[in-house]
């Protein structure tokens, strides 16, 4: 019987942006502000995020019901 993998689901930047309904620029800003932790994939030029961390950020945005500022970052804001 095969053993199920326990690796976390990963999302690429565009997928995380789509899930949160923001631009990739906003994802990069949240990355710089420490709200999302990027994971570099060895051997390929792709950065991903743990899906659970992205979902947690989405829940935080929904639960506040408004744009919440964290330092210079605005959680839930769409970059222009």
PDB file of N, CA and C in Angstrom:
ATOM      1  N   UNK A   1       0.862  -1.179   0.000  1.00  0.00           N
ATOM      2  CA  UNK A   1       0.000   0.000   0.000  1.00  0.00           C
ATOM      3  C   UNK A   1       0.904   1.237   0.000  1.00  0.00           C
ATOM      4  N   UNK A   2       0.663   2.195  -0.927  1.00  0.00           N
ATOM      5  CA  UNK A   2       1.496   3.401  -0.971  1.00  0.00           C
ATOM      6  C   UNK A   2       1.241   4.295   0.233  1.00  0.00           C
ATOM      7  N   UNK A   3       2.308   4.934   0.665  1.00  0.00           N
ATOM      8  CA  UNK A   3       2.207   5.868   1.791  1.00  0.00           C
ATOM      9  C   UNK A   3       1.950   7.263   1.232  1.00  0.00           C
ATOM     10  N   UNK A   4       0.958   7.943   1.765  1.00  0.00           N
ATOM     11  CA  UNK A   4       0.597   9.284   1.298  1.00  0.00           C
ATOM     12  C   UNK A   4       1.678  10.279   1.674  1.00  0.00           C
ATOM     13  N   UNK A   5       1.952  11.191   0.761  1.00  0.00           N
ATOM     14  CA  UNK A   5       2.918  12.254   1.021  1.00  0.00           C
ATOM     15  C   UNK A   5       2.287  13.295   1.941  1.00  0.00           C
ATOM     16  N   UNK A   6       3.113  13.864   2.807  1.00  0.00           N
ATOM     17  CA  UNK A   6       2.609  14.859   3.747  1.00  0.00           C
ATOM     18  C   UNK A   6       3.140  16.241   3.396  1.00  0.00           C
ATOM     19  N   UNK A   7       3.641  16.427   2.185  1.00  0.00           N
ATOM     20  CA  UNK A   7       4.183  17.726   1.812  1.00  0.00           C
ATOM     21  C   UNK A   7       3.051  18.746   1.686  1.00  0.00           C
ATOM     22  N   UNK A   8       3.330  19.983   2.078  1.00  0.00           N
ATOM     23  CA  UNK A   8       2.292  21.014   2.006  1.00  0.00           C
ATOM     24  C   UNK A   8       2.005  21.401   0.555  1.00  0.00           C
ATOM     25  N   UNK A   9       0.798  21.827   0.296  1.00  0.00           N
ATOM     26  CA  UNK A   9       0.442  22.323  -1.025  1.00  0.00           C
ATOM     27  C   UNK A   9       1.132  23.669  -1.224  1.00  0.00           C
ATOM     28  N   UNK A  10       1.690  23.865  -2.403  1.00  0.00           N
ATOM     29  CA  UNK A  10       2.422  25.092  -2.690  1.00  0.00           C
ATOM     30  C   UNK A  10       1.742  25.876  -3.799  1.00  0.00           C
ATOM     31  N   UNK A  11       1.799  27.198  -3.698  1.00  0.00           N
ATOM     32  CA  UNK A  11       1.222  28.085  -4.702  1.00  0.00           C
ATOM     33  C   UNK A  11       2.303  28.993  -5.280  1.00  0.00           C
ATOM     34  N   UNK A  12       2.302  29.135  -6.603  1.00  0.00           N
ATOM     35  CA  UNK A  12       3.203  30.087  -7.243  1.00  0.00           C
ATOM     36  C   UNK A  12       2.673  31.505  -7.004  1.00  0.00           C
ATOM     37  N   UNK A  13       3.528  32.509  -7.234  1.00  0.00           N
ATOM     38  CA  UNK A  13       3.113  33.904  -7.003  1.00  0.00           C
ATOM     39  C   UNK A  13       1.818  34.253  -7.724  1.00  0.00           C
ATOM     40  N   UNK A  14       1.710  33.971  -9.045  1.00  0.00           N
ATOM     41  CA  UNK A  14       0.452  34.343  -9.725  1.00  0.00           C
ATOM     42  C   UNK A  14      -0.770  33.649  -9.135  1.00  0.00           C
ATOM     43  N   UNK A  15      -0.587  32.397  -8.683  1.00  0.00           N
ATOM     44  CA  UNK A  15      -1.710  31.671  -8.085  1.00  0.00           C
ATOM     45  C   UNK A  15      -2.111  32.271  -6.738  1.00  0.00           C
ATOM     46  N   UNK A  16      -1.116  32.656  -5.946  1.00  0.00           N
ATOM     47  CA  UNK A  16      -1.398  33.312  -4.658  1.00  0.00           C
ATOM     48  C   UNK A  16      -2.108  34.644  -4.894  1.00  0.00           C
ATOM     49  N   UNK A  17      -1.639  35.394  -5.889  1.00  0.00           N
ATOM     50  CA  UNK A  17      -2.263  36.683  -6.208  1.00  0.00           C
ATOM     51  C   UNK A  17      -3.712  36.484  -6.633  1.00  0.00           C
ATOM     52  N   UNK A  18      -3.948  35.481  -7.460  1.00  0.00           N
ATOM     53  CA  UNK A  18      -5.305  35.198  -7.917  1.00  0.00           C
ATOM     54  C   UNK A  18      -6.207  34.797  -6.759  1.00  0.00           C
ATOM     55  N   UNK A  19      -5.710  33.937  -5.882  1.00  0.00           N
ATOM     56  CA  UNK A  19      -6.483  33.494  -4.725  1.00  0.00           C
ATOM     57  C   UNK A  19      -6.865  34.666  -3.827  1.00  0.00           C
ATOM     58  N   UNK A  20      -5.953  35.626  -3.666  1.00  0.00           N
ATOM     59  CA  UNK A  20      -6.197  36.777  -2.790  1.00  0.00           C
ATOM     60  C   UNK A  20      -6.811  37.966  -3.531  1.00  0.00           C
ATOM     61  N   UNK A  21      -7.008  37.827  -4.843  1.00  0.00           N
ATOM     62  CA  UNK A  21      -7.590  38.885  -5.681  1.00  0.00           C
ATOM     63  C   UNK A  21      -6.772  40.172  -5.609  1.00  0.00           C
ATOM     64  N   UNK A  22      -5.449  40.006  -5.694  1.00  0.00           N
ATOM     65  CA  UNK A  22      -4.543  41.152  -5.716  1.00  0.00           C
ATOM     66  C   UNK A  22      -3.540  40.945  -6.843  1.00  0.00           C
ATOM     67  N   UNK A  23      -2.725  41.949  -7.081  1.00  0.00           N
ATOM     68  CA  UNK A  23      -1.697  41.854  -8.110  1.00  0.00           C
ATOM     69  C   UNK A  23      -0.471  41.116  -7.580  1.00  0.00           C
ATOM     70  N   UNK A  24       0.360  40.637  -8.502  1.00  0.00           N
ATOM     71  CA  UNK A  24       1.625  40.016  -8.115  1.00  0.00           C
ATOM     72  C   UNK A  24       2.498  41.054  -7.401  1.00  0.00           C
ATOM     73  N   UNK A  25       2.396  42.316  -7.791  1.00  0.00           N
ATOM     74  CA  UNK A  25       3.149  43.383  -7.116  1.00  0.00           C
ATOM     75  C   UNK A  25       2.780  43.460  -5.644  1.00  0.00           C
ATOM     76  N   UNK A  26       1.502  43.280  -5.338  1.00  0.00           N
ATOM     77  CA  UNK A  26       1.066  43.304  -3.935  1.00  0.00           C
ATOM     78  C   UNK A  26       1.627  42.096  -3.188  1.00  0.00           C
ATOM     79  N   UNK A  27       1.653  40.949  -3.845  1.00  0.00           N
ATOM     80  CA  UNK A  27       2.244  39.745  -3.231  1.00  0.00           C
ATOM     81  C   UNK A  27       3.705  40.017  -2.886  1.00  0.00           C
ATOM     82  N   UNK A  28       4.446  40.624  -3.806  1.00  0.00           N
ATOM     83  CA  UNK A  28       5.858  40.954  -3.567  1.00  0.00           C
ATOM     84  C   UNK A  28       5.999  41.939  -2.413  1.00  0.00           C
ATOM     85  N   UNK A  29       5.087  42.897  -2.305  1.00  0.00           N
ATOM     86  CA  UNK A  29       5.121  43.871  -1.209  1.00  0.00           C
ATOM     87  C   UNK A  29       4.896  43.148   0.126  1.00  0.00           C
ATOM     88  N   UNK A  30       3.913  42.251   0.169  1.00  0.00           N
ATOM     89  CA  UNK A  30       3.651  41.494   1.393  1.00  0.00           C
ATOM     90  C   UNK A  30       4.834  40.609   1.757  1.00  0.00           C
ATOM     91  N   UNK A  31       5.526  40.129   0.721  1.00  0.00           N
ATOM     92  CA  UNK A  31       6.738  39.338   0.941  1.00  0.00           C
ATOM     93  C   UNK A  31       7.800  40.200   1.637  1.00  0.00           C
ATOM     94  N   UNK A  32       8.024  41.396   1.102  1.00  0.00           N
ATOM     95  CA  UNK A  32       9.008  42.317   1.693  1.00  0.00           C
ATOM     96  C   UNK A  32       8.617  42.707   3.111  1.00  0.00           C
ATOM     97  N   UNK A  33       7.319  42.836   3.359  1.00  0.00           N
ATOM     98  CA  UNK A  33       6.825  43.241   4.680  1.00  0.00           C
ATOM     99  C   UNK A  33       6.727  42.076   5.662  1.00  0.00           C
ATOM    100  N   UNK A  34       7.056  40.866   5.206  1.00  0.00           N
ATOM    101  CA  UNK A  34       7.067  39.707   6.082  1.00  0.00           C
ATOM    102  C   UNK A  34       5.728  39.021   6.282  1.00  0.00           C
ATOM    103  N   UNK A  35       4.726  39.381   5.492  1.00  0.00           N
ATOM    104  CA  UNK A  35       3.414  38.761   5.633  1.00  0.00           C
ATOM    105  C   UNK A  35       3.329  37.428   4.899  1.00  0.00           C
ATOM    106  N   UNK A  36       4.171  37.232   3.897  1.00  0.00           N
ATOM    107  CA  UNK A  36       4.263  35.960   3.181  1.00  0.00           C
ATOM    108  C   UNK A  36       5.725  35.549   3.132  1.00  0.00           C
ATOM    109  N   UNK A  37       5.980  34.275   3.334  1.00  0.00           N
ATOM    110  CA  UNK A  37       7.348  33.761   3.315  1.00  0.00           C
ATOM    111  C   UNK A  37       7.583  32.992   2.023  1.00  0.00           C
ATOM    112  N   UNK A  38       8.446  33.511   1.148  1.00  0.00           N
ATOM    113  CA  UNK A  38       8.701  32.819  -0.117  1.00  0.00           C
ATOM    114  C   UNK A  38       9.563  31.581   0.090  1.00  0.00           C
ATOM    115  N   UNK A  39       9.319  30.583  -0.743  1.00  0.00           N
ATOM    116  CA  UNK A  39      10.121  29.365  -0.743  1.00  0.00           C
ATOM    117  C   UNK A  39      10.718  29.236  -2.138  1.00  0.00           C
ATOM    118  N   UNK A  40      12.040  29.284  -2.234  1.00  0.00           N
ATOM    119  CA  UNK A  40      12.711  29.116  -3.522  1.00  0.00           C
ATOM    120  C   UNK A  40      12.801  27.627  -3.820  1.00  0.00           C
ATOM    121  N   UNK A  41      12.404  27.243  -5.010  1.00  0.00           N
ATOM    122  CA  UNK A  41      12.458  25.839  -5.406  1.00  0.00           C
ATOM    123  C   UNK A  41      13.837  25.547  -5.997  1.00  0.00           C
ATOM    124  N   UNK A  42      14.573  24.614  -5.431  1.00  0.00           N
ATOM    125  CA  UNK A  42      15.914  24.306  -5.916  1.00  0.00           C
ATOM    126  C   UNK A  42      15.892  23.819  -7.363  1.00  0.00           C
ATOM    127  N   UNK A  43      16.812  24.347  -8.144  1.00  0.00           N
ATOM    128  CA  UNK A  43      16.973  23.902  -9.517  1.00  0.00           C
ATOM    129  C   UNK A  43      16.061  24.556 -10.531  1.00  0.00           C
ATOM    130  N   UNK A  44      15.046  25.279 -10.069  1.00  0.00           N
ATOM    131  CA  UNK A  44      14.164  25.992 -11.005  1.00  0.00           C
ATOM    132  C   UNK A  44      13.943  27.409 -10.496  1.00  0.00           C
ATOM    133  N   UNK A  45      13.628  28.289 -11.409  1.00  0.00           N
ATOM    134  CA  UNK A  45      13.460  29.696 -11.037  1.00  0.00           C
ATOM    135  C   UNK A  45      11.994  30.005 -10.718  1.00  0.00           C
ATOM    136  N   UNK A  46      11.503  29.366  -9.686  1.00  0.00           N
ATOM    137  CA  UNK A  46      10.115  29.560  -9.266  1.00  0.00           C
ATOM    138  C   UNK A  46      10.108  29.799  -7.767  1.00  0.00           C
ATOM    139  N   UNK A  47       9.305  30.766  -7.350  1.00  0.00           N
ATOM    140  CA  UNK A  47       9.105  31.019  -5.922  1.00  0.00           C
ATOM    141  C   UNK A  47       7.674  30.611  -5.606  1.00  0.00           C
ATOM    142  N   UNK A  48       7.515  29.909  -4.507  1.00  0.00           N
ATOM    143  CA  UNK A  48       6.188  29.454  -4.103  1.00  0.00           C
ATOM    144  C   UNK A  48       5.944  29.823  -2.641  1.00  0.00           C
ATOM    145  N   UNK A  49       4.695  29.669  -2.233  1.00  0.00           N
ATOM    146  CA  UNK A  49       4.283  29.910  -0.848  1.00  0.00           C
ATOM    147  C   UNK A  49       3.485  28.701  -0.393  1.00  0.00           C
ATOM    148  N   UNK A  50       3.533  28.408   0.895  1.00  0.00           N
ATOM    149  CA  UNK A  50       2.673  27.355   1.428  1.00  0.00           C
ATOM    150  C   UNK A  50       1.229  27.843   1.319  1.00  0.00           C
ATOM    151  N   UNK A  51       0.378  26.996   0.772  1.00  0.00           N
ATOM    152  CA  UNK A  51      -1.024  27.369   0.561  1.00  0.00           C
ATOM    153  C   UNK A  51      -1.698  27.758   1.875  1.00  0.00           C
ATOM    154  N   UNK A  52      -1.332  27.077   2.956  1.00  0.00           N
ATOM    155  CA  UNK A  52      -1.945  27.380   4.260  1.00  0.00           C
ATOM    156  C   UNK A  52      -1.618  28.803   4.701  1.00  0.00           C
ATOM    157  N   UNK A  53      -0.400  29.271   4.435  1.00  0.00           N
ATOM    158  CA  UNK A  53      -0.032  30.645   4.796  1.00  0.00           C
ATOM    159  C   UNK A  53      -0.834  31.646   3.968  1.00  0.00           C
ATOM    160  N   UNK A  54      -1.039  31.346   2.696  1.00  0.00           N
ATOM    161  CA  UNK A  54      -1.839  32.225   1.835  1.00  0.00           C
ATOM    162  C   UNK A  54      -3.289  32.230   2.311  1.00  0.00           C
ATOM    163  N   UNK A  55      -3.813  31.053   2.651  1.00  0.00           N
ATOM    164  CA  UNK A  55      -5.194  30.986   3.170  1.00  0.00           C
ATOM    165  C   UNK A  55      -5.329  31.732   4.492  1.00  0.00           C
ATOM    166  N   UNK A  56      -4.320  31.640   5.358  1.00  0.00           N
ATOM    167  CA  UNK A  56      -4.349  32.380   6.624  1.00  0.00           C
ATOM    168  C   UNK A  56      -4.398  33.888   6.377  1.00  0.00           C
ATOM    169  N   UNK A  57      -3.627  34.352   5.410  1.00  0.00           N
ATOM    170  CA  UNK A  57      -3.641  35.782   5.073  1.00  0.00           C
ATOM    171  C   UNK A  57      -5.012  36.176   4.522  1.00  0.00           C
ATOM    172  N   UNK A  58      -5.596  35.311   3.691  1.00  0.00           N
ATOM    173  CA  UNK A  58      -6.941  35.584   3.162  1.00  0.00           C
ATOM    174  C   UNK A  58      -7.958  35.668   4.301  1.00  0.00           C
ATOM    175  N   UNK A  59      -7.865  34.731   5.262  1.00  0.00           N
ATOM    176  CA  UNK A  59      -8.780  34.764   6.417  1.00  0.00           C
ATOM    177  C   UNK A  59      -8.601  36.048   7.220  1.00  0.00           C
ATOM    178  N   UNK A  60      -7.361  36.458   7.380  1.00  0.00           N
ATOM    179  CA  UNK A  60      -7.074  37.693   8.126  1.00  0.00           C
ATOM    180  C   UNK A  60      -7.708  38.890   7.426  1.00  0.00           C
ATOM    181  N   UNK A  61      -7.616  38.920   6.107  1.00  0.00           N
ATOM    182  CA  UNK A  61      -8.216  40.023   5.338  1.00  0.00           C
ATOM    183  C   UNK A  61      -9.736  39.995   5.494  1.00  0.00           C
ATOM    184  N   UNK A  62     -10.325  38.804   5.380  1.00  0.00           N
ATOM    185  CA  UNK A  62     -11.789  38.668   5.473  1.00  0.00           C
ATOM    186  C   UNK A  62     -12.285  38.993   6.874  1.00  0.00           C
ATOM    187  N   UNK A  63     -11.601  38.474   7.897  1.00  0.00           N
ATOM    188  CA  UNK A  63     -12.047  38.670   9.277  1.00  0.00           C
ATOM    189  C   UNK A  63     -11.986  40.119   9.720  1.00  0.00           C
ATOM    190  N   UNK A  64     -11.023  40.874   9.223  1.00  0.00           N
ATOM    191  CA  UNK A  64     -10.938  42.270   9.626  1.00  0.00           C
ATOM    192  C   UNK A  64     -12.044  43.083   8.971  1.00  0.00           C
ATOM    193  N   UNK A  65     -12.528  42.612   7.811  1.00  0.00           N
ATOM    194  CA  UNK A  65     -13.597  43.321   7.125  1.00  0.00           C
ATOM    195  C   UNK A  65     -13.178  44.687   6.616  1.00  0.00           C
ATOM    196  N   UNK A  66     -11.903  44.938   6.658  1.00  0.00           N
ATOM    197  CA  UNK A  66     -11.397  46.229   6.189  1.00  0.00           C
ATOM    198  C   UNK A  66      -9.923  46.085   5.870  1.00  0.00           C
ATOM    199  N   UNK A  67      -9.354  47.104   5.318  1.00  0.00           N
ATOM    200  CA  UNK A  67      -7.922  47.114   5.039  1.00  0.00           C
ATOM    201  C   UNK A  67      -7.195  47.385   6.344  1.00  0.00           C
ATOM    202  N   UNK A  68      -6.287  46.478   6.743  1.00  0.00           N
ATOM    203  CA  UNK A  68      -5.557  46.625   7.986  1.00  0.00           C
ATOM    204  C   UNK A  68      -4.115  46.987   7.665  1.00  0.00           C
ATOM    205  N   UNK A  69      -3.604  47.991   8.331  1.00  0.00           N
ATOM    206  CA  UNK A  69      -2.217  48.366   8.077  1.00  0.00           C
ATOM    207  C   UNK A  69      -1.294  47.642   9.041  1.00  0.00           C
ATOM    208  N   UNK A  70      -0.158  47.229   8.517  1.00  0.00           N
ATOM    209  CA  UNK A  70       0.887  46.590   9.314  1.00  0.00           C
ATOM    210  C   UNK A  70       2.171  47.302   8.951  1.00  0.00           C
ATOM    211  N   UNK A  71       2.611  48.215   9.785  1.00  0.00           N
ATOM    212  CA  UNK A  71       3.793  49.019   9.426  1.00  0.00           C
ATOM    213  C   UNK A  71       3.471  49.801   8.173  1.00  0.00           C
ATOM    214  N   UNK A  72       4.310  49.643   7.166  1.00  0.00           N
ATOM    215  CA  UNK A  72       4.089  50.324   5.905  1.00  0.00           C
ATOM    216  C   UNK A  72       3.160  49.535   4.996  1.00  0.00           C
ATOM    217  N   UNK A  73       2.873  48.289   5.354  1.00  0.00           N
ATOM    218  CA  UNK A  73       2.043  47.438   4.496  1.00  0.00           C
ATOM    219  C   UNK A  73       0.563  47.658   4.777  1.00  0.00           C
ATOM    220  N   UNK A  74      -0.227  47.523   3.756  1.00  0.00           N
ATOM    221  CA  UNK A  74      -1.662  47.532   3.912  1.00  0.00           C
ATOM    222  C   UNK A  74      -2.177  46.175   3.491  1.00  0.00           C
ATOM    223  N   UNK A  75      -2.671  45.396   4.427  1.00  0.00           N
ATOM    224  CA  UNK A  75      -3.170  44.065   4.131  1.00  0.00           C
ATOM    225  C   UNK A  75      -4.457  44.190   3.346  1.00  0.00           C
ATOM    226  N   UNK A  76      -4.516  43.537   2.214  1.00  0.00           N
ATOM    227  CA  UNK A  76      -5.722  43.543   1.393  1.00  0.00           C
ATOM    228  C   UNK A  76      -5.755  44.638   0.358  1.00  0.00           C
ATOM    229  N   UNK A  77      -4.784  45.515   0.342  1.00  0.00           N
ATOM    230  CA  UNK A  77      -4.782  46.586  -0.643  1.00  0.00           C
ATOM    231  C   UNK A  77      -4.317  46.065  -1.988  1.00  0.00           C
ATOM    232  N   UNK A  78      -4.893  46.574  -3.029  1.00  0.00           N
ATOM    233  CA  UNK A  78      -4.480  46.199  -4.381  1.00  0.00           C
ATOM    234  C   UNK A  78      -3.476  47.221  -4.856  1.00  0.00           C
ATOM    235  N   UNK A  79      -2.341  46.741  -5.322  1.00  0.00           N
ATOM    236  CA  UNK A  79      -1.296  47.645  -5.823  1.00  0.00           C
ATOM    237  C   UNK A  79      -1.717  48.236  -7.138  1.00  0.00           C
ATOM    238  N   UNK A  80      -1.421  49.489  -7.342  1.00  0.00           N
ATOM    239  CA  UNK A  80      -1.778  50.120  -8.612  1.00  0.00           C
ATOM    240  C   UNK A  80      -0.694  49.956  -9.623  1.00  0.00           C
TER     241      UNK A  80
END
